[in-house]
Amino acid sequence: MSLEGIPLREITEQHLEDLVAQGLEEGLTDEFKLKLEIGTPEQKKELRRDVSAFANSAGGHLFVGAKEEDRVLVGFPGVKSDDLDGDALRIEQTIQGKLRPRIPGLGVRGISLSNGRFVFVIDIDKLW
């Protein structure tokens, strides 16, 4: 299972837990990052490369606040955020700011977890 067919605005913590229970693996359409650092130009460039790779292949999801072991999703410890909407917007602007062509349909959403932290799901449409 992936989040294929589930609108970004409807994804819940339960959907994320289901992905863990099913042992979702990193691959062509899913990638996991424990944290996302976009403070330096190189970090921003790396994020854009990751997103571009998805957009130029099958599309998919990048999960920030996700823990994996041997490329298998094992949990969502989440990340801290004092400004959930602002952080989501900052991530989207970092991605779209220097990509040409821009990725239509790119979405970023912070999902609240019961532990008080958040997971950012970056939904990436394929370009072709």
C-alpha atoms as a PDB file:
ATOM      1  CA  MET A   1       0.000   0.000   0.000  1.00  0.00           C
ATOM      2  CA  SER A   2       1.012   3.553  -0.535  1.00  0.00           C
ATOM      3  CA  LEU A   3      -0.955   6.761  -0.330  1.00  0.00           C
ATOM      4  CA  GLU A   4      -1.849   6.474  -4.010  1.00  0.00           C
ATOM      5  CA  GLY A   5      -5.355   7.795  -4.586  1.00  0.00           C
ATOM      6  CA  ILE A   6      -5.681   9.479  -1.176  1.00  0.00           C
ATOM      7  CA  PRO A   7      -5.888  13.273  -1.489  1.00  0.00           C
ATOM      8  CA  LEU A   8      -3.123  15.005   0.459  1.00  0.00           C
ATOM      9  CA  ARG A   9      -5.645  16.955   2.567  1.00  0.00           C
ATOM     10  CA  GLU A  10      -7.247  13.678   3.734  1.00  0.00           C
ATOM     11  CA  ILE A  11      -4.120  11.857   4.938  1.00  0.00           C
ATOM     12  CA  THR A  12      -4.263  11.140   8.661  1.00  0.00           C
ATOM     13  CA  GLU A  13      -2.008   9.657  11.294  1.00  0.00           C
ATOM     14  CA  GLN A  14      -3.923   6.388  10.841  1.00  0.00           C
ATOM     15  CA  HIS A  15      -2.906   6.258   7.167  1.00  0.00           C
ATOM     16  CA  LEU A  16       0.709   6.705   8.245  1.00  0.00           C
ATOM     17  CA  GLU A  17       0.407   3.948  10.863  1.00  0.00           C
ATOM     18  CA  ASP A  18      -1.052   1.661   8.198  1.00  0.00           C
ATOM     19  CA  LEU A  19       2.037   2.242   6.044  1.00  0.00           C
ATOM     20  CA  VAL A  20       4.248   1.180   8.966  1.00  0.00           C
ATOM     21  CA  ALA A  21       2.134  -1.911   9.647  1.00  0.00           C
ATOM     22  CA  GLN A  22       2.417  -2.940   6.008  1.00  0.00           C
ATOM     23  CA  GLY A  23       6.184  -2.501   5.949  1.00  0.00           C
ATOM     24  CA  LEU A  24       6.306   0.117   3.194  1.00  0.00           C
ATOM     25  CA  GLU A  25       9.709   0.125   1.510  1.00  0.00           C
ATOM     26  CA  GLU A  26      11.603   3.029   0.024  1.00  0.00           C
ATOM     27  CA  GLY A  27      11.567   2.785  -3.696  1.00  0.00           C
ATOM     28  CA  LEU A  28      10.453   4.404  -6.890  1.00  0.00           C
ATOM     29  CA  THR A  29       7.516   6.259  -5.306  1.00  0.00           C
ATOM     30  CA  ASP A  30       8.321   6.629  -1.600  1.00  0.00           C
ATOM     31  CA  GLU A  31      11.252   8.077   0.355  1.00  0.00           C
ATOM     32  CA  PHE A  32      11.743   8.576   4.094  1.00  0.00           C
ATOM     33  CA  LYS A  33      13.688  11.288   5.893  1.00  0.00           C
ATOM     34  CA  LEU A  34      14.008  11.466   9.657  1.00  0.00           C
ATOM     35  CA  LYS A  35      14.536  15.215   9.466  1.00  0.00           C
ATOM     36  CA  LEU A  36      14.739  17.857   6.807  1.00  0.00           C
ATOM     37  CA  GLU A  37      17.372  20.530   6.941  1.00  0.00           C
ATOM     38  CA  ILE A  38      17.052  23.332   4.393  1.00  0.00           C
ATOM     39  CA  GLY A  39      19.190  26.022   6.001  1.00  0.00           C
ATOM     40  CA  THR A  40      22.100  25.959   3.573  1.00  0.00           C
ATOM     41  CA  PRO A  41      22.171  26.218  -0.223  1.00  0.00           C
ATOM     42  CA  GLU A  42      23.509  22.647  -0.481  1.00  0.00           C
ATOM     43  CA  GLN A  43      20.672  21.284   1.704  1.00  0.00           C
ATOM     44  CA  LYS A  44      18.103  23.107  -0.428  1.00  0.00           C
ATOM     45  CA  LYS A  45      19.730  21.764  -3.581  1.00  0.00           C
ATOM     46  CA  GLU A  46      19.585  18.202  -2.221  1.00  0.00           C
ATOM     47  CA  LEU A  47      15.855  18.536  -1.507  1.00  0.00           C
ATOM     48  CA  ARG A  48      15.252  19.846  -5.028  1.00  0.00           C
ATOM     49  CA  ARG A  49      17.241  16.926  -6.495  1.00  0.00           C
ATOM     50  CA  ASP A  50      15.156  14.419  -4.529  1.00  0.00           C
ATOM     51  CA  VAL A  51      11.885  15.998  -5.608  1.00  0.00           C
ATOM     52  CA  SER A  52      13.034  16.338  -9.234  1.00  0.00           C
ATOM     53  CA  ALA A  53      13.914  12.651  -9.323  1.00  0.00           C
ATOM     54  CA  PHE A  54      10.359  11.754  -8.285  1.00  0.00           C
ATOM     55  CA  ALA A  55       8.805  14.232 -10.736  1.00  0.00           C
ATOM     56  CA  ASN A  56      10.901  12.902 -13.610  1.00  0.00           C
ATOM     57  CA  SER A  57       9.984   9.284 -12.897  1.00  0.00           C
ATOM     58  CA  ALA A  58       6.716   8.018 -11.425  1.00  0.00           C
ATOM     59  CA  GLY A  59       5.921  10.760  -8.894  1.00  0.00           C
ATOM     60  CA  GLY A  60       5.419   9.803  -5.276  1.00  0.00           C
ATOM     61  CA  HIS A  61       5.747  10.861  -1.660  1.00  0.00           C
ATOM     62  CA  LEU A  62       8.589  12.088   0.464  1.00  0.00           C
ATOM     63  CA  PHE A  63       7.925  11.655   4.191  1.00  0.00           C
ATOM     64  CA  VAL A  64       9.766  13.940   6.624  1.00  0.00           C
ATOM     65  CA  GLY A  65       9.738  12.675  10.211  1.00  0.00           C
ATOM     66  CA  ALA A  66       9.848   9.028   9.142  1.00  0.00           C
ATOM     67  CA  LYS A  67      12.257   6.424  10.475  1.00  0.00           C
ATOM     68  CA  GLU A  68      13.467   3.573   8.296  1.00  0.00           C
ATOM     69  CA  GLU A  69      15.749   0.615   8.771  1.00  0.00           C
ATOM     70  CA  ASP A  70      17.238  -1.083   5.724  1.00  0.00           C
ATOM     71  CA  ARG A  71      14.902   0.985   3.526  1.00  0.00           C
ATOM     72  CA  VAL A  72      11.779  -0.270   5.347  1.00  0.00           C
ATOM     73  CA  LEU A  73       9.537   2.180   7.184  1.00  0.00           C
ATOM     74  CA  VAL A  74       9.529   1.402  10.923  1.00  0.00           C
ATOM     75  CA  GLY A  75       7.812   4.441  12.414  1.00  0.00           C
ATOM     76  CA  PHE A  76       6.953   8.109  12.414  1.00  0.00           C
ATOM     77  CA  PRO A  77       8.670   9.828  15.344  1.00  0.00           C
ATOM     78  CA  GLY A  78       7.888  13.119  13.606  1.00  0.00           C
ATOM     79  CA  VAL A  79       9.572  16.499  13.732  1.00  0.00           C
ATOM     80  CA  LYS A  80       8.960  19.607  15.840  1.00  0.00           C
ATOM     81  CA  SER A  81       7.253  22.614  14.340  1.00  0.00           C
ATOM     82  CA  ASP A  82       6.210  25.873  15.938  1.00  0.00           C
ATOM     83  CA  ASP A  83       4.564  27.060  12.719  1.00  0.00           C
ATOM     84  CA  LEU A  84       3.131  24.094  10.833  1.00  0.00           C
ATOM     85  CA  ASP A  85       1.635  26.023   7.913  1.00  0.00           C
ATOM     86  CA  GLY A  86       4.666  28.300   7.694  1.00  0.00           C
ATOM     87  CA  ASP A  87       7.056  25.329   7.654  1.00  0.00           C
ATOM     88  CA  ALA A  88       5.009  23.584   4.961  1.00  0.00           C
ATOM     89  CA  LEU A  89       5.033  26.760   2.870  1.00  0.00           C
ATOM     90  CA  ARG A  90       8.793  27.180   3.396  1.00  0.00           C
ATOM     91  CA  ILE A  91       9.400  23.608   2.191  1.00  0.00           C
ATOM     92  CA  GLU A  92       7.240  24.162  -0.897  1.00  0.00           C
ATOM     93  CA  GLN A  93       8.910  27.492  -1.701  1.00  0.00           C
ATOM     94  CA  THR A  94      12.352  25.923  -1.294  1.00  0.00           C
ATOM     95  CA  ILE A  95      11.415  23.230  -3.795  1.00  0.00           C
ATOM     96  CA  GLN A  96       9.624  25.377  -6.356  1.00  0.00           C
ATOM     97  CA  GLY A  97      11.895  28.417  -6.007  1.00  0.00           C
ATOM     98  CA  LYS A  98      14.588  27.245  -8.409  1.00  0.00           C
ATOM     99  CA  LEU A  99      13.014  24.339 -10.275  1.00  0.00           C
ATOM    100  CA  ARG A 100      12.235  24.882 -13.924  1.00  0.00           C
ATOM    101  CA  PRO A 101       9.766  23.838 -14.988  1.00  0.00           C
ATOM    102  CA  ARG A 102       7.859  24.114 -11.742  1.00  0.00           C
ATOM    103  CA  ILE A 103       6.079  20.981 -10.616  1.00  0.00           C
ATOM    104  CA  PRO A 104       2.329  21.459 -11.033  1.00  0.00           C
ATOM    105  CA  GLY A 105       0.343  19.752  -8.334  1.00  0.00           C
ATOM    106  CA  LEU A 106       3.206  19.663  -5.820  1.00  0.00           C
ATOM    107  CA  GLY A 107       1.781  19.627  -2.319  1.00  0.00           C
ATOM    108  CA  VAL A 108       3.234  19.798   1.179  1.00  0.00           C
ATOM    109  CA  ARG A 109       1.180  19.062   4.274  1.00  0.00           C
ATOM    110  CA  GLY A 110       2.015  18.737   7.941  1.00  0.00           C
ATOM    111  CA  ILE A 111       0.151  15.954   9.712  1.00  0.00           C
ATOM    112  CA  SER A 112      -0.271  16.112  13.478  1.00  0.00           C
ATOM    113  CA  LEU A 113       0.805  13.075  15.453  1.00  0.00           C
ATOM    114  CA  SER A 114      -0.507  11.971  18.830  1.00  0.00           C
ATOM    115  CA  ASN A 115       3.001  12.484  20.294  1.00  0.00           C
ATOM    116  CA  GLY A 116       2.738  16.244  19.673  1.00  0.00           C
ATOM    117  CA  ARG A 117       5.087  16.196  16.697  1.00  0.00           C
ATOM    118  CA  PHE A 118       4.401  16.313  12.964  1.00  0.00           C
ATOM    119  CA  VAL A 119       5.107  14.492   9.724  1.00  0.00           C
ATOM    120  CA  PHE A 120       5.440  16.486   6.542  1.00  0.00           C
ATOM    121  CA  VAL A 121       4.217  14.665   3.470  1.00  0.00           C
ATOM    122  CA  ILE A 122       5.481  16.034   0.187  1.00  0.00           C
ATOM    123  CA  ASP A 123       3.233  14.844  -2.642  1.00  0.00           C
ATOM    124  CA  ILE A 124       4.995  14.956  -6.013  1.00  0.00           C
ATOM    125  CA  ASP A 125       3.239  14.548  -9.345  1.00  0.00           C
ATOM    126  CA  LYS A 126       5.136  13.144 -12.293  1.00  0.00           C
ATOM    127  CA  LEU A 127       5.926  15.705 -14.956  1.00  0.00           C
ATOM    128  CA  TRP A 128       5.483  13.535 -18.034  1.00  0.00           C
END
